[in-house]
Amino acid sequence: MQIEVLKAWPRVHAQRTLDLADGSTVSDALAAIADLMDDVAGYAVFGVRVETDAVLRDGDRLELLRALQIDPKDARRRRAAERAAR
């Protein structure tokens, strides 16, 4: 089966297509792309967060996720405060 692996950070983008055996897991895919694993905080398949024991299917897109830089609630509060100050 073929899966696509995608890592998209600001100013950094990497994409790979992997040929894996049927029944392979996220962990199996990660073993094949060890060079892309710096700063990875999680994984998703088509935007749905998964663990490393999740079974992949032919055509899946495995997305490598980075850690949040700021709490989304704090970011929203800051933007609202900036707008109110104008």
Protein backbone atom coordinates (compact mmCIF):
# COMPACT_ATOMS: atom_id res chain seq x y z
CA MET A 1 0.00 0.00 0.00
CA GLN A 2 1.08 3.58 -0.54
CA ILE A 3 0.76 6.40 1.98
CA GLU A 4 1.81 10.02 1.80
CA VAL A 5 3.76 11.59 4.68
CA LEU A 6 3.57 15.36 5.05
CA LYS A 7 5.53 17.73 7.29
CA ALA A 8 4.61 21.39 6.91
CA TRP A 9 6.19 23.90 9.28
CA PRO A 10 6.58 27.62 8.61
CA ARG A 11 9.28 27.90 5.91
CA VAL A 12 9.83 24.09 5.95
CA HIS A 13 7.96 21.56 3.85
CA ALA A 14 8.64 17.88 3.21
CA GLN A 15 6.54 15.26 1.47
CA ARG A 16 7.26 11.58 0.92
CA THR A 17 5.38 8.67 -0.56
CA LEU A 18 6.00 5.38 1.21
CA ASP A 19 5.31 1.82 0.08
CA LEU A 20 4.35 -0.19 3.15
CA ALA A 21 2.97 -3.66 3.76
CA ASP A 22 -0.77 -4.01 4.32
CA GLY A 23 -1.58 -3.63 8.02
CA SER A 24 1.34 -1.30 8.72
CA THR A 25 0.99 1.15 11.59
CA VAL A 26 1.99 4.77 12.08
CA SER A 27 5.02 3.46 13.96
CA ASP A 28 6.11 1.47 10.88
CA ALA A 29 5.84 4.59 8.72
CA LEU A 30 7.81 6.66 11.23
CA ALA A 31 10.64 4.15 11.15
CA ALA A 32 10.94 4.76 7.39
CA ILE A 33 11.19 8.55 7.76
CA ALA A 34 13.47 8.99 10.77
CA ASP A 35 15.20 11.98 9.12
CA LEU A 36 11.94 14.01 9.25
CA MET A 37 11.22 13.40 12.93
CA ASP A 38 12.90 16.46 14.51
CA ASP A 39 10.42 18.65 16.47
CA VAL A 40 7.45 16.34 15.84
CA ALA A 41 4.93 16.42 18.69
CA GLY A 42 2.13 14.27 17.25
CA TYR A 43 0.57 12.59 14.23
CA ALA A 44 -2.68 12.83 12.29
CA VAL A 45 -4.27 10.99 9.38
CA PHE A 46 -6.24 13.40 7.20
CA GLY A 47 -6.39 15.87 10.11
CA VAL A 48 -7.56 13.40 12.75
CA ARG A 49 -5.03 12.87 15.53
CA VAL A 50 -3.78 9.28 15.87
CA GLU A 51 -1.40 7.32 18.07
CA THR A 52 1.57 5.32 16.81
CA ASP A 53 -0.36 2.03 16.97
CA ALA A 54 -3.02 3.22 14.49
CA VAL A 55 -3.28 1.01 11.41
CA LEU A 56 -2.82 2.83 8.11
CA ARG A 57 -4.80 2.18 4.92
CA ASP A 58 -3.82 2.55 1.29
CA GLY A 59 -3.96 6.20 0.26
CA ASP A 60 -3.76 7.65 3.78
CA ARG A 61 -1.97 10.95 4.38
CA LEU A 62 0.09 10.86 7.57
CA GLU A 63 0.68 14.38 8.86
CA LEU A 64 3.52 15.18 11.24
CA LEU A 65 2.41 17.76 13.80
CA ARG A 66 4.47 20.28 15.73
CA ALA A 67 3.81 21.49 19.25
CA LEU A 68 1.67 24.58 19.72
CA GLN A 69 3.72 27.76 20.01
CA ILE A 70 1.07 29.49 22.13
CA ASP A 71 -2.16 28.43 23.78
CA PRO A 72 -4.98 29.20 21.28
CA LYS A 73 -7.10 30.82 24.00
CA ASP A 74 -4.25 33.14 24.97
CA ALA A 75 -3.67 34.06 21.33
CA ARG A 76 -7.35 34.95 20.91
CA ARG A 77 -7.31 37.07 24.06
CA ARG A 78 -4.24 38.95 22.85
CA ARG A 79 -5.80 39.66 19.45
CA ALA A 80 -9.02 40.86 21.10
CA ALA A 81 -7.08 43.13 23.45
CA GLU A 82 -5.12 44.60 20.52
CA ARG A 83 -8.35 45.32 18.62
CA ALA A 84 -9.93 46.91 21.71
CA ALA A 85 -6.87 49.15 22.19
CA ARG A 86 -7.24 50.66 18.70
